[in-house]
Protein backbone atom coordinates (compact mmCIF):
# COMPACT_ATOMS: atom_id res chain seq x y z
CA MET A 1 91.96 86.00 16.27
CA SER A 2 92.47 83.35 19.07
CA MET A 3 91.14 79.57 19.42
CA ASP A 4 90.38 79.50 23.42
CA PRO A 5 87.30 78.22 23.93
CA ILE A 6 84.69 81.47 23.48
CA TYR A 7 82.46 81.04 26.56
CA THR A 8 80.43 84.73 26.41
CA LEU A 9 77.03 84.95 24.11
CA GLY A 10 78.51 88.24 22.69
CA ALA A 11 82.00 86.63 21.79
CA LEU A 12 80.23 83.78 20.34
CA LEU A 13 77.91 85.51 17.78
CA ARG A 14 80.89 87.32 16.42
CA GLN A 15 82.94 85.24 15.85
CA GLY A 16 80.20 82.70 14.82
CA ALA A 17 79.78 85.64 12.21
CA ALA A 18 83.92 85.67 11.25
CA ARG A 19 84.23 82.21 10.70
CA TRP A 20 80.01 81.14 9.01
CA PRO A 21 79.40 84.20 7.31
CA GLN A 22 76.36 83.04 5.23
CA GLU A 23 75.25 79.65 7.26
CA MET A 24 72.13 79.80 8.43
CA ALA A 25 71.78 81.33 12.53
CA LEU A 26 68.80 81.47 12.95
CA ILE A 27 65.18 79.90 11.27
CA PHE A 28 62.10 80.52 11.91
CA PRO A 29 58.80 79.54 10.06
CA ASN A 30 58.78 82.86 7.57
CA SER A 31 62.76 84.00 7.39
CA ARG A 32 65.93 82.93 7.98
CA SER A 33 69.09 84.90 9.38
CA SER A 34 73.00 83.62 8.55
CA TYR A 35 75.11 84.51 11.70
CA ALA A 36 76.82 87.82 9.40
CA ASP A 37 72.75 88.51 9.48
CA LEU A 38 71.77 88.15 13.30
CA ASN A 39 75.37 89.66 14.30
CA ALA A 40 74.87 92.86 12.46
CA ARG A 41 71.20 92.80 14.24
CA ALA A 42 72.72 92.21 17.31
CA ARG A 43 75.42 95.10 17.28
CA LEU A 44 72.41 97.51 16.19
CA TRP A 45 70.79 96.77 18.88
CA ALA A 46 73.69 96.97 21.08
CA ALA A 47 74.31 100.54 19.60
CA ALA A 48 70.65 101.42 20.46
CA LEU A 49 71.28 100.66 24.22
CA ILE A 50 74.36 102.05 24.45
CA ALA A 51 72.94 105.11 22.46
CA ARG A 52 70.40 104.99 25.81
CA GLY A 53 72.91 104.76 28.16
CA VAL A 54 73.25 101.00 29.36
CA GLN A 55 75.96 100.50 31.35
CA PRO A 56 78.13 96.94 31.78
CA GLY A 57 76.30 94.74 34.26
CA ASP A 58 72.88 96.98 33.28
CA HIS A 59 69.28 95.32 33.03
CA VAL A 60 66.97 95.38 30.04
CA GLY A 61 63.76 92.95 30.07
CA LEU A 62 62.49 91.50 27.04
CA LEU A 63 58.95 90.77 26.48
CA LEU A 64 58.43 89.19 23.48
CA THR A 65 56.63 86.42 22.27
CA THR A 66 59.21 83.79 20.38
CA ARG A 67 60.67 85.78 17.07
CA PRO A 68 63.58 86.67 16.06
CA GLU A 69 64.18 90.18 17.59
CA PHE A 70 63.63 88.31 20.94
CA VAL A 71 66.99 86.41 20.01
CA GLU A 72 68.39 89.59 17.76
CA ALA A 73 68.03 91.98 21.56
CA MET A 74 69.38 89.27 23.67
CA PHE A 75 72.59 89.18 21.44
CA GLY A 76 72.61 92.55 21.33
CA ILE A 77 72.26 93.27 25.16
CA ALA A 78 74.61 90.58 25.79
CA MET A 79 77.09 92.47 23.29
CA ALA A 80 76.66 95.59 25.11
CA GLY A 81 78.03 94.46 28.37
CA ALA A 82 74.29 94.48 30.32
CA VAL A 83 71.88 91.84 31.49
CA SER A 84 69.16 89.87 29.66
CA VAL A 85 65.99 89.69 31.75
CA PRO A 86 63.16 87.79 29.62
CA VAL A 87 60.24 88.46 30.92
CA ASN A 88 57.38 85.30 31.22
CA ALA A 89 54.48 86.72 28.43
CA ARG A 90 51.45 85.56 30.98
CA TYR A 91 52.50 87.88 33.04
CA GLN A 92 49.43 90.20 33.81
CA PRO A 93 50.21 93.83 35.37
CA GLY A 94 50.41 93.22 39.27
CA GLU A 95 53.71 90.30 38.22
CA LEU A 96 54.98 92.69 35.26
CA ALA A 97 54.97 95.81 38.17
CA PHE A 98 56.79 93.48 40.37
CA LEU A 99 59.87 92.20 37.77
CA VAL A 100 59.90 95.52 36.29
CA LYS A 101 61.07 97.15 40.30
CA ASP A 102 62.51 94.14 41.59
CA ALA A 103 64.92 93.34 38.61
CA ASP A 104 66.37 97.43 37.88
CA LEU A 105 65.32 96.95 34.40
CA VAL A 106 66.74 100.56 32.85
CA CYS A 107 64.87 99.68 29.96
CA LEU A 108 62.72 97.00 28.39
CA ILE A 109 61.90 95.45 24.84
CA THR A 110 58.87 95.00 24.28
CA THR A 111 55.42 95.08 21.62
CA GLY A 112 51.82 95.97 21.57
CA ARG A 113 48.96 93.81 20.31
CA VAL A 114 50.34 90.37 19.24
CA ALA A 115 46.06 89.09 19.32
CA ASP A 116 43.03 89.54 20.28
CA SER A 117 43.32 88.86 24.00
CA LEU A 118 47.48 89.36 24.12
CA ASP A 119 48.65 93.83 24.07
CA PHE A 120 51.80 93.95 25.99
CA SER A 121 51.60 98.09 25.96
CA ALA A 122 48.80 97.69 27.59
CA ARG A 123 50.03 95.23 30.25
CA LEU A 124 52.36 97.80 31.23
CA ILE A 125 50.11 100.60 31.06
CA GLN A 126 48.28 99.04 33.52
CA ALA A 127 51.44 97.67 35.36
CA LEU A 128 53.23 101.50 35.52
CA PRO A 129 50.75 103.75 35.97
CA SER A 130 52.41 106.97 35.42
CA LEU A 131 53.65 105.09 31.83
CA ALA A 132 50.53 106.92 29.99
CA ASP A 133 51.24 110.25 30.54
CA ALA A 134 54.99 110.11 30.39
CA SER A 135 55.56 113.24 27.90
CA ASP A 136 59.58 111.98 27.14
CA PRO A 137 59.76 108.25 25.88
CA GLU A 138 64.22 108.36 25.79
CA ASN A 139 63.57 109.80 29.18
CA LEU A 140 60.87 108.08 31.53
CA ARG A 141 60.82 108.74 35.31
CA LEU A 142 58.34 106.83 36.09
CA GLU A 143 57.34 106.79 40.18
CA GLU A 144 56.56 102.29 39.90
CA ALA A 145 60.13 102.13 38.32
CA PRO A 146 62.54 104.51 39.28
CA LYS A 147 65.25 102.90 37.42
CA LEU A 148 63.30 102.41 33.87
CA ARG A 149 64.30 104.94 31.13
CA SER A 150 63.16 103.94 27.93
CA ILE A 151 61.12 101.51 26.69
CA ILE A 152 61.25 100.35 23.25
CA CYS A 153 58.42 99.17 21.21
CA VAL A 154 59.60 96.73 18.52
CA ASP A 155 56.32 96.52 15.84
CA ASP A 156 54.76 100.37 14.89
CA PRO A 157 52.60 100.93 15.65
CA CYS A 158 53.56 101.97 19.06
CA PRO A 159 51.97 103.45 22.13
CA LYS A 160 52.74 106.73 23.48
CA GLY A 161 55.33 106.86 25.84
CA LEU A 162 57.04 103.96 23.93
CA VAL A 163 60.64 104.45 21.55
CA PRO A 164 59.80 102.94 18.21
CA ALA A 165 62.59 100.54 16.84
CA SER A 166 62.12 101.85 13.78
CA SER A 167 63.89 104.93 15.08
CA ALA A 168 65.88 103.59 18.04
CA LEU A 169 67.40 101.20 15.20
CA SER A 170 70.21 102.70 13.15
CA GLY A 171 69.23 101.97 9.35
CA GLY A 172 72.52 101.93 8.25
CA PRO A 173 76.04 100.85 8.65
CA LEU A 174 77.56 102.06 11.97
CA SER A 175 80.29 104.43 12.36
CA ALA A 176 83.27 103.03 13.38
CA ALA A 177 83.36 104.72 16.58
CA VAL A 178 80.45 102.49 17.68
CA ASP A 179 81.80 99.63 16.52
CA ALA A 180 84.56 100.10 18.37
CA GLU A 181 82.76 100.50 21.50
CA ILE A 182 80.56 97.28 20.87
CA ASP A 183 83.72 95.47 20.16
CA ALA A 184 85.17 96.84 23.56
CA ARG A 185 82.36 96.17 25.39
CA ILE A 186 82.15 91.99 24.37
CA ASP A 187 85.71 91.99 25.18
CA GLY A 188 84.83 93.10 28.58
CA VAL A 189 82.08 90.90 29.62
CA ASP A 190 83.65 87.97 32.38
CA PRO A 191 82.83 84.45 31.22
CA GLN A 192 81.84 84.50 34.82
CA ASN A 193 79.50 87.93 34.74
CA ILE A 194 75.59 87.48 34.73
CA ALA A 195 74.24 86.67 31.06
CA LEU A 196 70.53 86.37 32.25
CA ILE A 197 68.17 86.46 35.08
CA LEU A 198 65.76 84.62 34.94
CA TYR A 199 62.53 85.20 37.07
CA THR A 200 60.42 82.00 38.98
CA SER A 201 57.16 81.25 38.52
CA GLY A 202 55.67 82.90 41.76
CA THR A 203 52.96 80.68 42.67
CA THR A 204 53.59 80.93 46.28
CA ALA A 205 54.96 83.59 46.31
CA ASN A 206 56.15 86.69 44.24
CA PRO A 207 58.94 85.45 41.21
CA LYS A 208 62.51 85.55 42.38
CA GLY A 209 65.35 85.96 39.93
CA CYS A 210 68.14 82.84 39.16
CA LEU A 211 71.49 84.70 38.34
CA ILE A 212 72.89 82.52 35.63
CA ARG A 213 76.23 83.39 33.63
CA HIS A 214 77.90 83.90 30.69
CA ARG A 215 79.84 80.68 31.10
CA ALA A 216 77.26 78.57 32.20
CA ILE A 217 75.23 79.55 28.99
CA VAL A 218 77.86 78.84 26.58
CA GLY A 219 79.06 75.69 27.66
CA ASN A 220 75.52 73.87 28.88
CA SER A 221 74.69 74.42 24.60
CA ARG A 222 78.30 73.36 23.96
CA ASN A 223 77.86 70.24 25.33
CA LEU A 224 74.21 69.90 23.97
CA GLY A 225 75.66 70.51 20.49
CA ARG A 226 78.12 68.11 20.93
CA ARG A 227 76.14 65.41 22.81
């Protein structure tokens, strides 16, 4: 294994799982994940995205609250060679509609109701009205979002038009061919490639996407750790 500094998100997690498999990588009030666990879950997400035709450089949205699946999916997106686009949980339907189209999202990972006053799937149906009549969740054709091909829903029950994560994520070990494809995609990411697109608040105009490279994220996090 190379000892050169790693500056991409997918390679960073892969290395962490190889060197410190049982060390804690992600700690939430009700759950803990080791580096090996987080790596395995991220690879499941990468496989699910690859199976849905997500290509290196494609943009995948994350509309979730702060939860383990957000981190797992973000690393999975990186491992697929794609770009994460975290979506502000406070965005209303009009802002969601703008971002989904402006960011050229090909896939979106979200959930349904998370509180009495917060239902992401309901907001998405308001933002993308043709989603309510979508007959094939695995191959969306929405007038409001021409590039969006699927929306993966983390929690059951999933509203019509969304793909349940329980079916999108393989329950067993990945095949050797899929594992090899994921590793090839990880190795194909350059540190100068875009890792995240973060949208500004848009208080006085439409939100604007800020492009953030792998090297910037990993280097900044590494420096914070050293400090």
